[in-house]
Full PDB file with SEQRES, HELIX, SHEET, SSBOND, CRYST1, ORIGX, SCALE, CONECT and MASTER records, all heavy atoms in Angstrom:
SEQRES   1 A   30  ILE ALA GLN VAL GLN VAL PHE CYS VAL TYR ILE GLY ASP          
SEQRES   2 A   30  THR ALA VAL ASP ILE THR ASP LYS VAL ASP THR ASP ALA          
SEQRES   3 A   30  VAL ARG GLU LEU                                              
HELIX    1 AA1 THR A   24  GLU A   29  1                                   6    
SHEET    1 AA1 2 PHE A   7  CYS A   8  0                                        
SHEET    2 AA1 2 VAL A  16  ASP A  17 -1                                        
CRYST1    1.000    1.000    1.000  90.00  90.00  90.00 P 1           1          
ORIGX1      1.000000  0.000000  0.000000        0.00000                         
ORIGX2      0.000000  1.000000  0.000000        0.00000                         
ORIGX3      0.000000  0.000000  1.000000        0.00000                         
SCALE1      1.000000  0.000000  0.000000        0.00000                         
SCALE2      0.000000  1.000000  0.000000        0.00000                         
SCALE3      0.000000  0.000000  1.000000        0.00000                         
ATOM      1  N   ILE A   1     133.397  84.449  62.244  1.00  0.00           N  
ATOM      2  CA  ILE A   1     133.151  85.184  63.474  1.00  0.00           C  
ATOM      3  C   ILE A   1     132.023  84.523  64.316  1.00  0.00           C  
ATOM      4  O   ILE A   1     130.923  84.558  63.898  1.00  0.00           O  
ATOM      5  CB  ILE A   1     132.797  86.624  63.137  1.00  0.00           C  
ATOM      6  CG1 ILE A   1     133.948  87.388  62.373  1.00  0.00           C  
ATOM      7  CG2 ILE A   1     132.402  87.450  64.395  1.00  0.00           C  
ATOM      8  CD1 ILE A   1     133.562  88.707  61.861  1.00  0.00           C  
ATOM      9  N   ALA A   2     132.439  83.931  65.427  1.00  0.00           N  
ATOM     10  CA  ALA A   2     131.485  83.153  66.209  1.00  0.00           C  
ATOM     11  C   ALA A   2     130.801  84.007  67.204  1.00  0.00           C  
ATOM     12  O   ALA A   2     129.578  83.785  67.413  1.00  0.00           O  
ATOM     13  CB  ALA A   2     132.201  82.025  66.923  1.00  0.00           C  
ATOM     14  N   GLN A   3     131.376  84.955  67.783  1.00  0.00           N  
ATOM     15  CA  GLN A   3     130.819  85.745  68.801  1.00  0.00           C  
ATOM     16  C   GLN A   3     131.339  87.155  68.792  1.00  0.00           C  
ATOM     17  O   GLN A   3     132.483  87.373  68.520  1.00  0.00           O  
ATOM     18  CB  GLN A   3     131.133  85.177  70.193  1.00  0.00           C  
ATOM     19  CG  GLN A   3     130.509  85.884  71.433  1.00  0.00           C  
ATOM     20  CD  GLN A   3     130.929  85.240  72.725  1.00  0.00           C  
ATOM     21  OE1 GLN A   3     131.734  84.344  72.719  1.00  0.00           O  
ATOM     22  NE2 GLN A   3     130.440  85.725  73.784  1.00  0.00           N  
ATOM     23  N   VAL A   4     130.454  88.139  69.021  1.00  0.00           N  
ATOM     24  CA  VAL A   4     130.776  89.585  69.067  1.00  0.00           C  
ATOM     25  C   VAL A   4     130.224  90.201  70.325  1.00  0.00           C  
ATOM     26  O   VAL A   4     129.154  90.003  70.689  1.00  0.00           O  
ATOM     27  CB  VAL A   4     130.191  90.319  67.798  1.00  0.00           C  
ATOM     28  CG1 VAL A   4     130.499  91.840  68.009  1.00  0.00           C  
ATOM     29  CG2 VAL A   4     130.685  89.838  66.563  1.00  0.00           C  
ATOM     30  N   GLN A   5     131.186  90.854  71.134  1.00  0.00           N  
ATOM     31  CA  GLN A   5     130.745  91.500  72.289  1.00  0.00           C  
ATOM     32  C   GLN A   5     131.222  92.907  72.141  1.00  0.00           C  
ATOM     33  O   GLN A   5     132.393  93.123  71.712  1.00  0.00           O  
ATOM     34  CB  GLN A   5     131.325  90.952  73.569  1.00  0.00           C  
ATOM     35  CG  GLN A   5     130.734  89.571  73.954  1.00  0.00           C  
ATOM     36  CD  GLN A   5     131.445  89.066  75.189  1.00  0.00           C  
ATOM     37  OE1 GLN A   5     132.689  88.908  75.208  1.00  0.00           O  
ATOM     38  NE2 GLN A   5     130.662  88.815  76.237  1.00  0.00           N  
ATOM     39  N   VAL A   6     130.477  93.964  72.585  1.00  0.00           N  
ATOM     40  CA  VAL A   6     130.882  95.403  72.426  1.00  0.00           C  
ATOM     41  C   VAL A   6     130.778  96.033  73.788  1.00  0.00           C  
ATOM     42  O   VAL A   6     129.737  95.863  74.500  1.00  0.00           O  
ATOM     43  CB  VAL A   6     129.927  96.090  71.469  1.00  0.00           C  
ATOM     44  CG1 VAL A   6     130.365  97.519  71.276  1.00  0.00           C  
ATOM     45  CG2 VAL A   6     129.901  95.387  70.050  1.00  0.00           C  
ATOM     46  N   PHE A   7     131.855  96.626  74.233  1.00  0.00           N  
ATOM     47  CA  PHE A   7     131.935  97.357  75.455  1.00  0.00           C  
ATOM     48  C   PHE A   7     132.175  98.799  75.205  1.00  0.00           C  
ATOM     49  O   PHE A   7     132.982  99.189  74.385  1.00  0.00           O  
ATOM     50  CB  PHE A   7     133.008  96.768  76.343  1.00  0.00           C  
ATOM     51  CG  PHE A   7     132.779  95.349  76.665  1.00  0.00           C  
ATOM     52  CD1 PHE A   7     133.327  94.318  75.931  1.00  0.00           C  
ATOM     53  CD2 PHE A   7     131.983  94.949  77.828  1.00  0.00           C  
ATOM     54  CE1 PHE A   7     133.144  93.021  76.194  1.00  0.00           C  
ATOM     55  CE2 PHE A   7     131.816  93.686  78.041  1.00  0.00           C  
ATOM     56  CZ  PHE A   7     132.407  92.622  77.260  1.00  0.00           C  
ATOM     57  N   CYS A   8     131.520  99.618  76.065  1.00  0.00           N  
ATOM     58  CA  CYS A   8     131.927 101.062  76.069  1.00  0.00           C  
ATOM     59  C   CYS A   8     132.788 101.305  77.305  1.00  0.00           C  
ATOM     60  O   CYS A   8     132.502 100.911  78.419  1.00  0.00           O  
ATOM     61  CB  CYS A   8     130.661 101.951  76.271  1.00  0.00           C  
ATOM     62  SG  CYS A   8     131.050 103.716  76.411  1.00  0.00           S  
ATOM     63  N   VAL A   9     133.980 101.899  77.143  1.00  0.00           N  
ATOM     64  CA  VAL A   9     134.983 102.112  78.212  1.00  0.00           C  
ATOM     65  C   VAL A   9     135.265 103.549  78.305  1.00  0.00           C  
ATOM     66  O   VAL A   9     135.516 104.266  77.310  1.00  0.00           O  
ATOM     67  CB  VAL A   9     136.283 101.353  77.888  1.00  0.00           C  
ATOM     68  CG1 VAL A   9     137.195 101.534  79.037  1.00  0.00           C  
ATOM     69  CG2 VAL A   9     136.019  99.808  77.641  1.00  0.00           C  
ATOM     70  N   TYR A  10     135.138 104.038  79.541  1.00  0.00           N  
ATOM     71  CA  TYR A  10     135.572 105.402  79.850  1.00  0.00           C  
ATOM     72  C   TYR A  10     136.741 105.313  80.745  1.00  0.00           C  
ATOM     73  O   TYR A  10     136.745 104.571  81.779  1.00  0.00           O  
ATOM     74  CB  TYR A  10     134.369 106.242  80.519  1.00  0.00           C  
ATOM     75  CG  TYR A  10     134.799 107.689  80.671  1.00  0.00           C  
ATOM     76  CD1 TYR A  10     134.641 108.539  79.616  1.00  0.00           C  
ATOM     77  CD2 TYR A  10     135.163 108.263  81.858  1.00  0.00           C  
ATOM     78  CE1 TYR A  10     134.969 109.892  79.654  1.00  0.00           C  
ATOM     79  CE2 TYR A  10     135.470 109.578  81.933  1.00  0.00           C  
ATOM     80  CZ  TYR A  10     135.375 110.347  80.829  1.00  0.00           C  
ATOM     81  OH  TYR A  10     135.647 111.735  80.964  1.00  0.00           O  
ATOM     82  N   ILE A  11     137.777 106.028  80.482  1.00  0.00           N  
ATOM     83  CA  ILE A  11     139.037 106.053  81.212  1.00  0.00           C  
ATOM     84  C   ILE A  11     138.731 106.248  82.689  1.00  0.00           C  
ATOM     85  O   ILE A  11     138.113 107.256  83.049  1.00  0.00           O  
ATOM     86  CB  ILE A  11     140.069 106.986  80.685  1.00  0.00           C  
ATOM     87  CG1 ILE A  11     140.366 106.826  79.200  1.00  0.00           C  
ATOM     88  CG2 ILE A  11     141.348 106.970  81.482  1.00  0.00           C  
ATOM     89  CD1 ILE A  11     140.846 105.431  78.839  1.00  0.00           C  
ATOM     90  N   GLY A  12     139.165 105.273  83.543  1.00  0.00           N  
ATOM     91  CA  GLY A  12     138.970 105.367  84.919  1.00  0.00           C  
ATOM     92  C   GLY A  12     137.759 104.673  85.464  1.00  0.00           C  
ATOM     93  O   GLY A  12     137.597 104.455  86.653  1.00  0.00           O  
ATOM     94  N   ASP A  13     136.795 104.283  84.586  1.00  0.00           N  
ATOM     95  CA  ASP A  13     135.654 103.561  84.994  1.00  0.00           C  
ATOM     96  C   ASP A  13     135.685 102.125  84.449  1.00  0.00           C  
ATOM     97  O   ASP A  13     136.515 101.849  83.606  1.00  0.00           O  
ATOM     98  CB  ASP A  13     134.410 104.265  84.539  1.00  0.00           C  
ATOM     99  CG  ASP A  13     134.082 105.560  85.233  1.00  0.00           C  
ATOM    100  OD1 ASP A  13     134.617 105.712  86.334  1.00  0.00           O  
ATOM    101  OD2 ASP A  13     133.343 106.372  84.724  1.00  0.00           O  
ATOM    102  N   THR A  14     134.730 101.367  84.877  1.00  0.00           N  
ATOM    103  CA  THR A  14     134.613 100.003  84.292  1.00  0.00           C  
ATOM    104  C   THR A  14     133.963 100.031  82.937  1.00  0.00           C  
ATOM    105  O   THR A  14     133.270 100.890  82.590  1.00  0.00           O  
ATOM    106  CB  THR A  14     133.883  99.054  85.299  1.00  0.00           C  
ATOM    107  OG1 THR A  14     132.625  99.686  85.460  1.00  0.00           O  
ATOM    108  CG2 THR A  14     134.605  98.951  86.653  1.00  0.00           C  
ATOM    109  N   ALA A  15     134.124  98.957  82.194  1.00  0.00           N  
ATOM    110  CA  ALA A  15     133.505  98.738  80.964  1.00  0.00           C  
ATOM    111  C   ALA A  15     132.000  98.408  81.097  1.00  0.00           C  
ATOM    112  O   ALA A  15     131.658  97.700  81.987  1.00  0.00           O  
ATOM    113  CB  ALA A  15     134.240  97.672  80.159  1.00  0.00           C  
ATOM    114  N   VAL A  16     131.183  98.959  80.220  1.00  0.00           N  
ATOM    115  CA  VAL A  16     129.785  98.740  80.224  1.00  0.00           C  
ATOM    116  C   VAL A  16     129.572  97.875  78.977  1.00  0.00           C  
ATOM    117  O   VAL A  16     129.890  98.264  77.777  1.00  0.00           O  
ATOM    118  CB  VAL A  16     129.013 100.009  80.152  1.00  0.00           C  
ATOM    119  CG1 VAL A  16     127.523  99.742  80.096  1.00  0.00           C  
ATOM    120  CG2 VAL A  16     129.306 100.849  81.348  1.00  0.00           C  
ATOM    121  N   ASP A  17     128.854  96.781  79.128  1.00  0.00           N  
ATOM    122  CA  ASP A  17     128.478  95.834  77.985  1.00  0.00           C  
ATOM    123  C   ASP A  17     127.342  96.497  77.236  1.00  0.00           C  
ATOM    124  O   ASP A  17     126.229  96.613  77.799  1.00  0.00           O  
ATOM    125  CB  ASP A  17     128.176  94.519  78.514  1.00  0.00           C  
ATOM    126  CG  ASP A  17     127.974  93.492  77.408  1.00  0.00           C  
ATOM    127  OD1 ASP A  17     127.935  93.892  76.203  1.00  0.00           O  
ATOM    128  OD2 ASP A  17     127.802  92.293  77.763  1.00  0.00           O  
ATOM    129  N   ILE A  18     127.530  96.915  75.976  1.00  0.00           N  
ATOM    130  CA  ILE A  18     126.432  97.456  75.157  1.00  0.00           C  
ATOM    131  C   ILE A  18     126.148  96.516  73.997  1.00  0.00           C  
ATOM    132  O   ILE A  18     125.568  97.011  73.026  1.00  0.00           O  
ATOM    133  CB  ILE A  18     126.785  98.877  74.693  1.00  0.00           C  
ATOM    134  CG1 ILE A  18     128.054  98.822  73.857  1.00  0.00           C  
ATOM    135  CG2 ILE A  18     126.892  99.836  75.828  1.00  0.00           C  
ATOM    136  CD1 ILE A  18     128.340 100.184  73.132  1.00  0.00           C  
ATOM    137  N   THR A  19     126.457  95.279  74.093  1.00  0.00           N  
ATOM    138  CA  THR A  19     126.288  94.310  72.985  1.00  0.00           C  
ATOM    139  C   THR A  19     124.761  94.266  72.636  1.00  0.00           C  
ATOM    140  O   THR A  19     124.450  94.203  71.409  1.00  0.00           O  
ATOM    141  CB  THR A  19     126.747  92.937  73.395  1.00  0.00           C  
ATOM    142  OG1 THR A  19     128.107  92.982  73.816  1.00  0.00           O  
ATOM    143  CG2 THR A  19     126.642  91.939  72.292  1.00  0.00           C  
ATOM    144  N   ASP A  20     123.836  94.342  73.547  1.00  0.00           N  
ATOM    145  CA  ASP A  20     122.457  94.276  73.273  1.00  0.00           C  
ATOM    146  C   ASP A  20     121.962  95.396  72.520  1.00  0.00           C  
ATOM    147  O   ASP A  20     120.967  95.375  71.721  1.00  0.00           O  
ATOM    148  CB  ASP A  20     121.631  94.032  74.576  1.00  0.00           C  
ATOM    149  CG  ASP A  20     121.931  92.730  75.284  1.00  0.00           C  
ATOM    150  OD1 ASP A  20     122.407  91.853  74.608  1.00  0.00           O  
ATOM    151  OD2 ASP A  20     121.715  92.672  76.456  1.00  0.00           O  
ATOM    152  N   LYS A  21     122.606  96.572  72.675  1.00  0.00           N  
ATOM    153  CA  LYS A  21     122.176  97.842  72.008  1.00  0.00           C  
ATOM    154  C   LYS A  21     122.720  97.994  70.595  1.00  0.00           C  
ATOM    155  O   LYS A  21     122.173  98.682  69.797  1.00  0.00           O  
ATOM    156  CB  LYS A  21     122.570  99.021  72.782  1.00  0.00           C  
ATOM    157  CG  LYS A  21     121.884  99.100  74.256  1.00  0.00           C  
ATOM    158  CD  LYS A  21     122.380 100.316  74.935  1.00  0.00           C  
ATOM    159  CE  LYS A  21     121.744 100.395  76.390  1.00  0.00           C  
ATOM    160  NZ  LYS A  21     122.358 101.471  77.132  1.00  0.00           N  
ATOM    161  N   VAL A  22     123.835  97.332  70.344  1.00  0.00           N  
ATOM    162  CA  VAL A  22     124.590  97.474  69.049  1.00  0.00           C  
ATOM    163  C   VAL A  22     124.003  96.478  68.069  1.00  0.00           C  
ATOM    164  O   VAL A  22     123.693  95.380  68.397  1.00  0.00           O  
ATOM    165  CB  VAL A  22     126.026  97.330  69.234  1.00  0.00           C  
ATOM    166  CG1 VAL A  22     126.755  97.329  67.968  1.00  0.00           C  
ATOM    167  CG2 VAL A  22     126.655  98.365  70.180  1.00  0.00           C  
ATOM    168  N   ASP A  23     123.894  96.944  66.767  1.00  0.00           N  
ATOM    169  CA  ASP A  23     123.540  96.040  65.693  1.00  0.00           C  
ATOM    170  C   ASP A  23     124.735  95.164  65.410  1.00  0.00           C  
ATOM    171  O   ASP A  23     125.592  95.573  64.564  1.00  0.00           O  
ATOM    172  CB  ASP A  23     123.111  96.887  64.476  1.00  0.00           C  
ATOM    173  CG  ASP A  23     122.633  95.949  63.331  1.00  0.00           C  
ATOM    174  OD1 ASP A  23     122.616  94.741  63.501  1.00  0.00           O  
ATOM    175  OD2 ASP A  23     122.353  96.575  62.290  1.00  0.00           O  
ATOM    176  N   THR A  24     124.778  94.036  66.003  1.00  0.00           N  
ATOM    177  CA  THR A  24     125.950  93.071  65.866  1.00  0.00           C  
ATOM    178  C   THR A  24     126.104  92.552  64.444  1.00  0.00           C  
ATOM    179  O   THR A  24     127.140  92.168  63.930  1.00  0.00           O  
ATOM    180  CB  THR A  24     125.994  91.913  66.858  1.00  0.00           C  
ATOM    181  OG1 THR A  24     124.656  91.209  66.769  1.00  0.00           O  
ATOM    182  CG2 THR A  24     126.139  92.446  68.273  1.00  0.00           C  
ATOM    183  N   ASP A  25     124.947  92.461  63.647  1.00  0.00           N  
ATOM    184  CA  ASP A  25     124.972  92.009  62.325  1.00  0.00           C  
ATOM    185  C   ASP A  25     125.801  93.029  61.425  1.00  0.00           C  
ATOM    186  O   ASP A  25     126.582  92.629  60.573  1.00  0.00           O  
ATOM    187  CB  ASP A  25     123.644  91.752  61.695  1.00  0.00           C  
ATOM    188  CG  ASP A  25     122.939  90.569  62.373  1.00  0.00           C  
ATOM    189  OD1 ASP A  25     123.652  89.684  62.784  1.00  0.00           O  
ATOM    190  OD2 ASP A  25     121.655  90.554  62.354  1.00  0.00           O  
ATOM    191  N   ALA A  26     125.523  94.355  61.771  1.00  0.00           N  
ATOM    192  CA  ALA A  26     126.273  95.414  60.991  1.00  0.00           C  
ATOM    193  C   ALA A  26     127.762  95.335  61.406  1.00  0.00           C  
ATOM    194  O   ALA A  26     128.566  95.485  60.587  1.00  0.00           O  
ATOM    195  CB  ALA A  26     125.640  96.728  61.330  1.00  0.00           C  
ATOM    196  N   VAL A  27     128.041  95.109  62.653  1.00  0.00           N  
ATOM    197  CA  VAL A  27     129.435  94.956  63.132  1.00  0.00           C  
ATOM    198  C   VAL A  27     130.107  93.830  62.388  1.00  0.00           C  
ATOM    199  O   VAL A  27     131.256  93.947  61.849  1.00  0.00           O  
ATOM    200  CB  VAL A  27     129.540  94.848  64.670  1.00  0.00           C  
ATOM    201  CG1 VAL A  27     130.913  94.527  65.136  1.00  0.00           C  
ATOM    202  CG2 VAL A  27     129.070  96.136  65.370  1.00  0.00           C  
ATOM    203  N   ARG A  28     129.428  92.662  62.273  1.00  0.00           N  
ATOM    204  CA  ARG A  28     129.974  91.513  61.604  1.00  0.00           C  
ATOM    205  C   ARG A  28     130.234  91.773  60.135  1.00  0.00           C  
ATOM    206  O   ARG A  28     131.272  91.288  59.617  1.00  0.00           O  
ATOM    207  CB  ARG A  28     128.994  90.339  61.694  1.00  0.00           C  
ATOM    208  CG  ARG A  28     129.133  89.480  62.936  1.00  0.00           C  
ATOM    209  CD  ARG A  28     128.445  88.186  62.734  1.00  0.00           C  
ATOM    210  NE  ARG A  28     128.714  87.314  63.853  1.00  0.00           N  
ATOM    211  CZ  ARG A  28     127.956  87.282  64.959  1.00  0.00           C  
ATOM    212  NH1 ARG A  28     126.930  87.987  65.015  1.00  0.00           N  
ATOM    213  NH2 ARG A  28     128.347  86.439  65.980  1.00  0.00           N  
ATOM    214  N   GLU A  29     129.456  92.641  59.436  1.00  0.00           N  
ATOM    215  CA  GLU A  29     129.650  92.917  58.089  1.00  0.00           C  
ATOM    216  C   GLU A  29     130.828  93.839  57.947  1.00  0.00           C  
ATOM    217  O   GLU A  29     131.594  93.810  56.945  1.00  0.00           O  
ATOM    218  CB  GLU A  29     128.446  93.647  57.550  1.00  0.00           C  
ATOM    219  CG  GLU A  29     127.327  92.794  57.306  1.00  0.00           C  
ATOM    220  CD  GLU A  29     126.038  93.525  56.738  1.00  0.00           C  
ATOM    221  OE1 GLU A  29     126.261  94.539  56.208  1.00  0.00           O  
ATOM    222  OE2 GLU A  29     124.901  93.008  56.941  1.00  0.00           O  
ATOM    223  N   LEU A  30     131.127  94.764  58.968  1.00  0.00           N  
ATOM    224  CA  LEU A  30     132.206  95.683  58.855  1.00  0.00           C  
ATOM    225  C   LEU A  30     133.606  95.079  59.213  1.00  0.00           C  
ATOM    226  O   LEU A  30     134.618  95.469  58.644  1.00  0.00           O  
ATOM    227  CB  LEU A  30     131.937  96.869  59.743  1.00  0.00           C  
ATOM    228  CG  LEU A  30     130.901  97.881  59.188  1.00  0.00           C  
ATOM    229  CD1 LEU A  30     130.598  98.935  60.221  1.00  0.00           C  
ATOM    230  CD2 LEU A  30     131.395  98.580  57.884  1.00  0.00           C  
TER     231      LEU A  30                                                      
MASTER        0    0    0    1    2    0    0    6  230    1    0    3          
END                                                                             
């Protein structure tokens, strides 16, 4: 896994990048 990006999407709106707020190491483990 080289890169992880996380977005929050609400139907009808654009995606918000929340990668900086999320523990990407925990995401990589899961």
